[in-house]
Structure formats: C-alpha cells, structure tokens
Amino acid sequence: GAWAVLEYQLFYRRRYAEAAFASCQGVRLPATGGYAISTMCGRYGAQLCTAQRWLDFQGDKNNGLAPLQIDFQLLPNGSEPG
C-alpha cells in the first residue's frame, strides 16, 4: 500500500509565534477595511485571537484550506523540542 502523511506536529518557539502573530495582527483587508486576522482565527475573530489560536486555525484540516492536520506546539523560549 501507499504511505501518506495525514497529520504532523510543528514546534515553534513561543517568541517566534508571538512575533509572527503580531506582524499580522494590524493588517487590514482593503476590500472590507476589517482586520485580516479575523478571517484567520476561526471562531475567535480578531478580538479574541492569540498566537496559539491563530496557528491552531491555520493547521485545522476542517478550515477548508489546510491540506492536512498540523498540530502547532509552542515551546517556552530557550527550550528545544523533545
């Protein structure tokens, strides 16, 4: 039989995830004037979105965009996976 990856874990340092989230947080969509993050955080919208919620939505195979399930693990700063 054929093998396929259906899900994987991705490890980010919390500092990196927070910085990536912060860089997107203030971006507005020209067509609507609303925040882009509101469409990238699922049920939480822009108001309640956090870096973890943002990544969780990005990796959710049920969001209609992710090709497979991605489990984002945020590591304390200075630590390594494993």
N, C-alpha and C. Protein backbone atom coordinates (compact mmCIF):
# COMPACT_ATOMS: atom_id res chain seq x y z
N GLY A 1 0.82 -1.19 0.00
CA GLY A 1 0.00 0.00 0.00
C GLY A 1 0.86 1.25 0.00
N ALA A 2 0.25 2.33 -0.32
CA ALA A 2 0.91 3.63 -0.36
C ALA A 2 0.89 4.27 1.02
N TRP A 3 1.92 5.03 1.31
CA TRP A 3 2.02 5.76 2.56
C TRP A 3 1.66 7.22 2.32
N ALA A 4 1.05 7.84 3.31
CA ALA A 4 0.72 9.26 3.21
C ALA A 4 0.78 9.89 4.59
N VAL A 5 1.20 11.14 4.65
CA VAL A 5 1.19 11.90 5.90
C VAL A 5 -0.20 12.52 6.04
N LEU A 6 -0.85 12.23 7.16
CA LEU A 6 -2.19 12.76 7.41
C LEU A 6 -2.18 13.85 8.47
N GLU A 7 -1.15 13.85 9.31
CA GLU A 7 -1.06 14.83 10.40
C GLU A 7 0.39 14.92 10.84
N TYR A 8 0.79 16.10 11.28
CA TYR A 8 2.12 16.21 11.86
C TYR A 8 2.17 17.30 12.90
N GLN A 9 3.21 17.26 13.73
CA GLN A 9 3.42 18.26 14.76
C GLN A 9 4.50 19.23 14.29
N LEU A 10 4.29 20.49 14.58
CA LEU A 10 5.25 21.52 14.23
C LEU A 10 5.59 22.28 15.50
N PHE A 11 6.87 22.39 15.80
CA PHE A 11 7.32 23.05 17.03
C PHE A 11 7.85 24.44 16.71
N TYR A 12 7.30 25.45 17.38
CA TYR A 12 7.76 26.83 17.27
C TYR A 12 8.15 27.31 18.66
N ARG A 13 9.15 28.13 18.73
CA ARG A 13 9.40 28.83 19.99
C ARG A 13 8.28 29.87 20.15
N ARG A 14 7.82 30.02 21.38
CA ARG A 14 6.73 30.96 21.65
C ARG A 14 7.07 32.36 21.14
N ARG A 15 8.30 32.81 21.33
CA ARG A 15 8.69 34.16 20.90
C ARG A 15 8.49 34.33 19.39
N TYR A 16 8.87 33.30 18.62
CA TYR A 16 8.71 33.36 17.17
C TYR A 16 7.23 33.42 16.79
N ALA A 17 6.42 32.56 17.41
CA ALA A 17 4.98 32.52 17.11
C ALA A 17 4.32 33.85 17.46
N GLU A 18 4.67 34.42 18.61
CA GLU A 18 4.10 35.70 19.03
C GLU A 18 4.50 36.81 18.08
N ALA A 19 5.75 36.82 17.62
CA ALA A 19 6.22 37.84 16.69
C ALA A 19 5.53 37.71 15.33
N ALA A 20 5.37 36.48 14.85
CA ALA A 20 4.67 36.27 13.57
C ALA A 20 3.22 36.73 13.68
N PHE A 21 2.57 36.39 14.78
CA PHE A 21 1.19 36.80 15.01
C PHE A 21 1.10 38.33 15.08
N ALA A 22 2.00 38.96 15.82
CA ALA A 22 1.98 40.42 15.96
C ALA A 22 2.17 41.12 14.62
N SER A 23 2.97 40.53 13.73
CA SER A 23 3.21 41.15 12.43
C SER A 23 1.96 41.13 11.55
N CYS A 24 1.04 40.21 11.82
CA CYS A 24 -0.20 40.10 11.04
C CYS A 24 -1.39 40.80 11.70
N GLN A 25 -1.28 41.04 12.99
CA GLN A 25 -2.43 41.49 13.78
C GLN A 25 -3.05 42.79 13.30
N GLY A 26 -2.25 43.75 12.85
CA GLY A 26 -2.79 45.04 12.45
C GLY A 26 -3.09 45.18 10.97
N VAL A 27 -2.90 44.12 10.19
CA VAL A 27 -3.12 44.18 8.74
C VAL A 27 -4.61 44.22 8.44
N ARG A 28 -5.00 45.18 7.60
CA ARG A 28 -6.41 45.31 7.20
C ARG A 28 -6.60 44.88 5.76
N LEU A 29 -7.79 44.32 5.48
CA LEU A 29 -8.14 43.92 4.12
C LEU A 29 -8.69 45.15 3.39
N PRO A 30 -8.09 45.54 2.26
CA PRO A 30 -8.55 46.73 1.54
C PRO A 30 -10.02 46.63 1.12
N ALA A 31 -10.47 45.46 0.75
CA ALA A 31 -11.85 45.30 0.25
C ALA A 31 -12.89 45.57 1.33
N THR A 32 -12.58 45.22 2.57
CA THR A 32 -13.58 45.36 3.64
C THR A 32 -13.19 46.37 4.71
N GLY A 33 -11.90 46.67 4.83
CA GLY A 33 -11.44 47.55 5.90
C GLY A 33 -11.29 46.82 7.22
N GLY A 34 -11.72 45.56 7.28
CA GLY A 34 -11.61 44.77 8.51
C GLY A 34 -10.22 44.18 8.64
N TYR A 35 -9.94 43.63 9.80
CA TYR A 35 -8.63 43.01 10.05
C TYR A 35 -8.55 41.64 9.38
N ALA A 36 -7.43 41.40 8.72
CA ALA A 36 -7.20 40.12 8.06
C ALA A 36 -7.22 38.98 9.07
N ILE A 37 -6.71 39.25 10.27
CA ILE A 37 -6.61 38.20 11.29
C ILE A 37 -7.99 37.65 11.67
N SER A 38 -9.04 38.45 11.48
CA SER A 38 -10.38 37.98 11.84
C SER A 38 -10.81 36.79 10.98
N THR A 39 -10.29 36.70 9.77
CA THR A 39 -10.62 35.57 8.90
C THR A 39 -9.63 34.43 9.07
N MET A 40 -8.57 34.66 9.84
CA MET A 40 -7.50 33.68 10.00
C MET A 40 -7.48 33.06 11.39
N CYS A 41 -8.54 33.30 12.17
CA CYS A 41 -8.54 32.82 13.54
C CYS A 41 -9.83 32.07 13.89
N GLY A 42 -10.60 31.73 12.86
CA GLY A 42 -11.80 30.94 13.11
C GLY A 42 -12.81 31.64 13.99
N ARG A 43 -13.40 30.91 14.89
CA ARG A 43 -14.49 31.43 15.72
C ARG A 43 -14.06 32.54 16.67
N TYR A 44 -12.76 32.72 16.88
CA TYR A 44 -12.29 33.73 17.82
C TYR A 44 -12.28 35.13 17.24
N GLY A 45 -12.21 35.24 15.90
CA GLY A 45 -12.17 36.56 15.28
C GLY A 45 -10.94 37.35 15.72
N ALA A 46 -10.92 38.63 15.37
CA ALA A 46 -9.77 39.47 15.66
C ALA A 46 -9.67 39.79 17.15
N GLN A 47 -10.80 39.96 17.82
CA GLN A 47 -10.81 40.39 19.21
C GLN A 47 -10.18 39.38 20.17
N LEU A 48 -10.48 38.10 19.99
CA LEU A 48 -10.04 37.07 20.93
C LEU A 48 -8.90 36.21 20.40
N CYS A 49 -8.35 36.59 19.27
CA CYS A 49 -7.29 35.79 18.66
C CYS A 49 -5.99 35.91 19.45
N THR A 50 -5.29 34.81 19.55
CA THR A 50 -3.94 34.75 20.15
C THR A 50 -3.05 34.01 19.17
N ALA A 51 -1.76 34.01 19.41
CA ALA A 51 -0.85 33.28 18.54
C ALA A 51 -1.22 31.80 18.46
N GLN A 52 -1.53 31.19 19.59
CA GLN A 52 -1.88 29.76 19.59
C GLN A 52 -3.18 29.52 18.84
N ARG A 53 -4.19 30.34 19.06
CA ARG A 53 -5.48 30.17 18.36
C ARG A 53 -5.32 30.39 16.86
N TRP A 54 -4.50 31.36 16.48
CA TRP A 54 -4.23 31.64 15.08
C TRP A 54 -3.58 30.44 14.41
N LEU A 55 -2.56 29.88 15.04
CA LEU A 55 -1.88 28.71 14.47
C LEU A 55 -2.79 27.49 14.47
N ASP A 56 -3.56 27.31 15.54
CA ASP A 56 -4.49 26.18 15.58
C ASP A 56 -5.46 26.22 14.41
N PHE A 57 -5.98 27.40 14.09
CA PHE A 57 -6.91 27.52 12.96
C PHE A 57 -6.18 27.26 11.64
N GLN A 58 -4.96 27.78 11.50
CA GLN A 58 -4.20 27.56 10.27
C GLN A 58 -3.95 26.07 10.03
N GLY A 59 -3.77 25.31 11.09
CA GLY A 59 -3.46 23.90 10.96
C GLY A 59 -4.66 22.98 11.04
N ASP A 60 -5.87 23.54 11.10
CA ASP A 60 -7.08 22.72 11.22
C ASP A 60 -7.53 22.25 9.84
N LYS A 61 -7.50 20.96 9.60
CA LYS A 61 -7.87 20.43 8.28
C LYS A 61 -9.33 20.72 7.94
N ASN A 62 -10.13 21.11 8.91
CA ASN A 62 -11.54 21.43 8.66
C ASN A 62 -11.77 22.90 8.29
N ASN A 63 -10.70 23.69 8.17
CA ASN A 63 -10.87 25.10 7.83
C ASN A 63 -11.06 25.33 6.33
N GLY A 64 -10.95 24.27 5.54
CA GLY A 64 -11.13 24.40 4.10
C GLY A 64 -9.87 24.80 3.36
N LEU A 65 -8.78 25.04 4.08
CA LEU A 65 -7.54 25.49 3.45
C LEU A 65 -6.35 24.58 3.73
N ALA A 66 -6.25 24.05 4.95
CA ALA A 66 -5.11 23.22 5.31
C ALA A 66 -5.21 21.85 4.63
N PRO A 67 -4.15 21.41 3.98
CA PRO A 67 -4.20 20.12 3.28
C PRO A 67 -4.16 18.92 4.21
N LEU A 68 -3.69 19.13 5.45
CA LEU A 68 -3.64 18.07 6.45
C LEU A 68 -3.63 18.72 7.83
N GLN A 69 -3.85 17.93 8.85
CA GLN A 69 -3.89 18.44 10.21
C GLN A 69 -2.47 18.76 10.68
N ILE A 70 -2.28 19.98 11.19
CA ILE A 70 -0.98 20.40 11.72
C ILE A 70 -1.18 20.78 13.18
N ASP A 71 -0.46 20.11 14.06
CA ASP A 71 -0.54 20.37 15.50
C ASP A 71 0.62 21.28 15.88
N PHE A 72 0.35 22.57 16.06
CA PHE A 72 1.39 23.54 16.42
C PHE A 72 1.65 23.49 17.92
N GLN A 73 2.89 23.22 18.28
CA GLN A 73 3.31 23.19 19.68
C GLN A 73 4.22 24.39 19.93
N LEU A 74 3.80 25.27 20.85
CA LEU A 74 4.62 26.43 21.20
C LEU A 74 5.50 26.08 22.38
N LEU A 75 6.80 26.21 22.16
CA LEU A 75 7.78 25.85 23.19
C LEU A 75 8.16 27.09 23.99
N PRO A 76 8.40 26.92 25.28
CA PRO A 76 8.92 28.05 26.06
C PRO A 76 10.21 28.55 25.42
N ASN A 77 10.42 29.85 25.47
CA ASN A 77 11.62 30.43 24.89
C ASN A 77 12.87 29.81 25.51
N GLY A 78 13.84 29.46 24.68
CA GLY A 78 15.08 28.88 25.15
C GLY A 78 15.06 27.36 25.24
N SER A 79 13.90 26.73 24.98
CA SER A 79 13.85 25.26 25.06
C SER A 79 13.91 24.66 23.67
N GLU A 80 14.13 23.37 23.62
CA GLU A 80 14.21 22.64 22.36
C GLU A 80 13.15 21.53 22.37
N PRO A 81 12.63 21.14 21.20
CA PRO A 81 11.67 20.03 21.17
C PRO A 81 12.30 18.73 21.66
N GLY A 82 11.46 17.88 22.23
CA GLY A 82 11.94 16.59 22.68
C GLY A 82 12.25 16.62 24.08
